[in-house]
Structure formats: structure tokens, C-alpha cells
Amino acid sequence: MQSDALKDLICTALEDLKGEDLRVLDVRHLTTITDWMVVVSGRSDRHVKSLADAVVDGGRAAGVRPIGVEGQQGGEWVLVDFADVLVHVMLPKVRDFYNLEKLWDIRPGRESGAAQGG
């Protein structure tokens, strides 16, 4: 399955279960380990686990198995690794603390604040 199609399948699964504040980051220009990073919030640890399960189940139904799933026990942050697409399902407080969108939202030709002295 192409990475774009897998990303779309994942986003549909997350939207179907009412994942909150869904963000899709194209990181192909930043790293060779993945093409897309999907970040979404769940309302509770149960919701986070359900969202992650839906992503895994949707991938398997399409014939794609994740390389790994981390964080299912705690439910504050679950990472589902499909190689071409990394899915981060997080509680809002954890998401705010780590702020992955800011960390990975670097566009080509744009310097980071640290490099600019700010």
C-alpha cells in the first residue's frame, strides 16, 4: 500500500472514532525513516487506546501490519509504527507537553528559532 493511501486510511479510522485535533505532517523532506506523521488527541486513556486499536485494525484489514505499537499499557501516548506512517495518539496534556507538531513542522528553507538566535 502506498504511503499516501495508508495515511488516508489511518485518518479515516481516527475521524470515525472522533479523534480530536487531527494533524498530518509531511516529514519526507526531514527524514528517511517515515513519510508521514499523524498526531491526534484522545479524550481519555481509554479513548487513546481505542483510537490506536482502530488504526491497527484498519491497517490489518487493508493488509498492512504495524512494525510496532508502544504505550498501550499506559494509554497516555500510543505510538503505532507503520514505517511509512507514524501515528501518535496522545492525551491533550501529553501532546501539549511534547508539542510534536512544532518539533516536526520544519519547512524547507525555514531556519529554526535556535539557528536564528531566538
C-alpha atoms as a PDB file:
ATOM      1  CA  MET A   1       0.000   0.000   0.000  1.00  0.00           C
ATOM      2  CA  GLN A   2       1.330   3.446  -0.906  1.00  0.00           C
ATOM      3  CA  SER A   3       2.121   5.775   1.996  1.00  0.00           C
ATOM      4  CA  ASP A   4      -0.499   8.335   0.875  1.00  0.00           C
ATOM      5  CA  ALA A   5      -3.240   5.698   0.815  1.00  0.00           C
ATOM      6  CA  LEU A   6      -2.156   4.351   4.205  1.00  0.00           C
ATOM      7  CA  LYS A   7      -2.169   7.866   5.659  1.00  0.00           C
ATOM      8  CA  ASP A   8      -5.697   8.431   4.337  1.00  0.00           C
ATOM      9  CA  LEU A   9      -6.896   5.101   5.748  1.00  0.00           C
ATOM     10  CA  ILE A  10      -5.444   5.980   9.159  1.00  0.00           C
ATOM     11  CA  CYS A  11      -7.019   9.426   9.163  1.00  0.00           C
ATOM     12  CA  THR A  12     -10.411   7.949   8.291  1.00  0.00           C
ATOM     13  CA  ALA A  13     -10.154   5.464  11.175  1.00  0.00           C
ATOM     14  CA  LEU A  14      -9.232   8.270  13.585  1.00  0.00           C
ATOM     15  CA  GLU A  15     -12.036  10.529  12.359  1.00  0.00           C
ATOM     16  CA  ASP A  16     -14.574   7.687  12.616  1.00  0.00           C
ATOM     17  CA  LEU A  17     -13.778   7.315  16.339  1.00  0.00           C
ATOM     18  CA  LYS A  18     -13.855  11.065  16.926  1.00  0.00           C
ATOM     19  CA  GLY A  19     -10.142  11.633  17.391  1.00  0.00           C
ATOM     20  CA  GLU A  20      -9.564  15.269  18.291  1.00  0.00           C
ATOM     21  CA  ASP A  21      -7.296  17.870  16.688  1.00  0.00           C
ATOM     22  CA  LEU A  22      -6.017  15.563  13.944  1.00  0.00           C
ATOM     23  CA  ARG A  23      -2.806  16.833  12.334  1.00  0.00           C
ATOM     24  CA  VAL A  24      -0.922  15.271   9.450  1.00  0.00           C
ATOM     25  CA  LEU A  25       2.703  16.274   8.966  1.00  0.00           C
ATOM     26  CA  ASP A  26       4.599  15.583   5.758  1.00  0.00           C
ATOM     27  CA  VAL A  27       8.123  14.821   7.012  1.00  0.00           C
ATOM     28  CA  ARG A  28       9.600  13.377   3.804  1.00  0.00           C
ATOM     29  CA  HIS A  29      11.913  16.380   3.490  1.00  0.00           C
ATOM     30  CA  LEU A  30      13.172  15.945   7.073  1.00  0.00           C
ATOM     31  CA  THR A  31      13.852  12.237   7.489  1.00  0.00           C
ATOM     32  CA  THR A  32      14.158   8.960   5.636  1.00  0.00           C
ATOM     33  CA  ILE A  33      12.578   6.891   8.419  1.00  0.00           C
ATOM     34  CA  THR A  34       8.979   7.829   7.564  1.00  0.00           C
ATOM     35  CA  ASP A  35       6.899   9.854   5.123  1.00  0.00           C
ATOM     36  CA  TRP A  36       4.020  10.990   7.315  1.00  0.00           C
ATOM     37  CA  MET A  37       3.487  11.714  10.970  1.00  0.00           C
ATOM     38  CA  VAL A  38      -0.097  11.703  12.208  1.00  0.00           C
ATOM     39  CA  VAL A  39      -0.833  13.270  15.599  1.00  0.00           C
ATOM     40  CA  VAL A  40      -4.240  13.060  17.258  1.00  0.00           C
ATOM     41  CA  SER A  41      -5.674  13.502  20.747  1.00  0.00           C
ATOM     42  CA  GLY A  42      -7.988  11.246  22.680  1.00  0.00           C
ATOM     43  CA  ARG A  43     -10.297  12.438  25.463  1.00  0.00           C
ATOM     44  CA  SER A  44      -9.214   9.767  27.973  1.00  0.00           C
ATOM     45  CA  ASP A  45      -6.723   6.916  28.249  1.00  0.00           C
ATOM     46  CA  ARG A  46      -9.500   4.563  27.076  1.00  0.00           C
ATOM     47  CA  HIS A  47     -10.178   6.755  24.052  1.00  0.00           C
ATOM     48  CA  VAL A  48      -6.449   6.883  23.240  1.00  0.00           C
ATOM     49  CA  LYS A  49      -6.275   3.074  23.348  1.00  0.00           C
ATOM     50  CA  SER A  50      -9.433   2.751  21.215  1.00  0.00           C
ATOM     51  CA  LEU A  51      -8.069   5.143  18.601  1.00  0.00           C
ATOM     52  CA  ALA A  52      -4.790   3.214  18.430  1.00  0.00           C
ATOM     53  CA  ASP A  53      -6.667  -0.093  18.159  1.00  0.00           C
ATOM     54  CA  ALA A  54      -8.792   1.307  15.326  1.00  0.00           C
ATOM     55  CA  VAL A  55      -5.658   2.333  13.431  1.00  0.00           C
ATOM     56  CA  VAL A  56      -4.098  -1.109  13.875  1.00  0.00           C
ATOM     57  CA  ASP A  57      -7.326  -2.886  12.891  1.00  0.00           C
ATOM     58  CA  GLY A  58      -7.807  -0.657   9.849  1.00  0.00           C
ATOM     59  CA  GLY A  59      -4.269  -1.313   8.691  1.00  0.00           C
ATOM     60  CA  ARG A  60      -4.614  -5.059   9.144  1.00  0.00           C
ATOM     61  CA  ALA A  61      -7.915  -5.065   7.233  1.00  0.00           C
ATOM     62  CA  ALA A  62      -6.056  -3.396   4.357  1.00  0.00           C
ATOM     63  CA  GLY A  63      -3.247  -5.950   4.573  1.00  0.00           C
ATOM     64  CA  VAL A  64      -0.759  -3.722   6.398  1.00  0.00           C
ATOM     65  CA  ARG A  65       0.572  -4.727   9.797  1.00  0.00           C
ATOM     66  CA  PRO A  66       2.301  -2.264  12.074  1.00  0.00           C
ATOM     67  CA  ILE A  67       6.002  -2.749  12.778  1.00  0.00           C
ATOM     68  CA  GLY A  68       5.270  -1.978  16.400  1.00  0.00           C
ATOM     69  CA  VAL A  69       2.857  -0.486  18.880  1.00  0.00           C
ATOM     70  CA  GLU A  70       4.205   1.210  22.009  1.00  0.00           C
ATOM     71  CA  GLY A  71       2.413   2.691  25.015  1.00  0.00           C
ATOM     72  CA  GLN A  72      -0.783   0.620  25.034  1.00  0.00           C
ATOM     73  CA  GLN A  73      -0.381  -0.182  28.745  1.00  0.00           C
ATOM     74  CA  GLY A  74      -0.411   3.413  29.986  1.00  0.00           C
ATOM     75  CA  GLY A  75      -2.720   4.918  27.412  1.00  0.00           C
ATOM     76  CA  GLU A  76      -1.337   8.448  27.664  1.00  0.00           C
ATOM     77  CA  TRP A  77       0.656   8.199  24.439  1.00  0.00           C
ATOM     78  CA  VAL A  78       0.417   5.327  21.998  1.00  0.00           C
ATOM     79  CA  LEU A  79       2.758   5.158  19.015  1.00  0.00           C
ATOM     80  CA  VAL A  80       1.744   2.978  16.069  1.00  0.00           C
ATOM     81  CA  ASP A  81       4.588   2.484  13.589  1.00  0.00           C
ATOM     82  CA  PHE A  82       3.650   1.535  10.035  1.00  0.00           C
ATOM     83  CA  ALA A  83       7.128   2.536   8.733  1.00  0.00           C
ATOM     84  CA  ASP A  84       5.815   4.986   6.107  1.00  0.00           C
ATOM     85  CA  VAL A  85       3.337   6.477   8.589  1.00  0.00           C
ATOM     86  CA  LEU A  86       3.934   7.051  12.304  1.00  0.00           C
ATOM     87  CA  VAL A  87       0.788   7.593  14.352  1.00  0.00           C
ATOM     88  CA  HIS A  88       0.936   9.376  17.719  1.00  0.00           C
ATOM     89  CA  VAL A  89      -2.274   9.100  19.749  1.00  0.00           C
ATOM     90  CA  MET A  90      -1.988  11.219  22.886  1.00  0.00           C
ATOM     91  CA  LEU A  91      -3.853  12.714  25.782  1.00  0.00           C
ATOM     92  CA  PRO A  92      -4.049  16.513  25.363  1.00  0.00           C
ATOM     93  CA  LYS A  93      -1.771  17.222  28.356  1.00  0.00           C
ATOM     94  CA  VAL A  94       0.919  14.900  26.973  1.00  0.00           C
ATOM     95  CA  ARG A  95       0.530  16.346  23.493  1.00  0.00           C
ATOM     96  CA  ASP A  96       0.876  19.903  24.834  1.00  0.00           C
ATOM     97  CA  PHE A  97       3.994  18.962  26.788  1.00  0.00           C
ATOM     98  CA  TYR A  98       5.870  17.284  23.902  1.00  0.00           C
ATOM     99  CA  ASN A  99       4.476  19.535  21.143  1.00  0.00           C
ATOM    100  CA  LEU A 100       5.485  17.196  18.315  1.00  0.00           C
ATOM    101  CA  GLU A 101       3.821  19.387  15.705  1.00  0.00           C
ATOM    102  CA  LYS A 102       6.206  22.242  16.438  1.00  0.00           C
ATOM    103  CA  LEU A 103       9.198  19.917  16.602  1.00  0.00           C
ATOM    104  CA  TRP A 104       8.470  18.320  13.203  1.00  0.00           C
ATOM    105  CA  ASP A 105       6.841  21.234  11.357  1.00  0.00           C
ATOM    106  CA  ILE A 106      10.011  22.487   9.728  1.00  0.00           C
ATOM    107  CA  ARG A 107       9.575  23.571   6.159  1.00  0.00           C
ATOM    108  CA  PRO A 108      12.416  23.519   3.643  1.00  0.00           C
ATOM    109  CA  GLY A 109      14.322  26.781   3.616  1.00  0.00           C
ATOM    110  CA  ARG A 110      12.972  27.862   7.008  1.00  0.00           C
ATOM    111  CA  GLU A 111      15.506  28.022   9.803  1.00  0.00           C
ATOM    112  CA  SER A 112      14.644  27.045  13.346  1.00  0.00           C
ATOM    113  CA  GLY A 113      14.366  29.657  16.076  1.00  0.00           C
ATOM    114  CA  ALA A 114      17.584  28.397  17.695  1.00  0.00           C
ATOM    115  CA  ALA A 115      19.520  28.828  14.455  1.00  0.00           C
ATOM    116  CA  GLN A 116      18.186  32.361  14.135  1.00  0.00           C
ATOM    117  CA  GLY A 117      19.297  33.227  17.637  1.00  0.00           C
ATOM    118  CA  GLY A 118      15.766  33.323  19.045  1.00  0.00           C
END
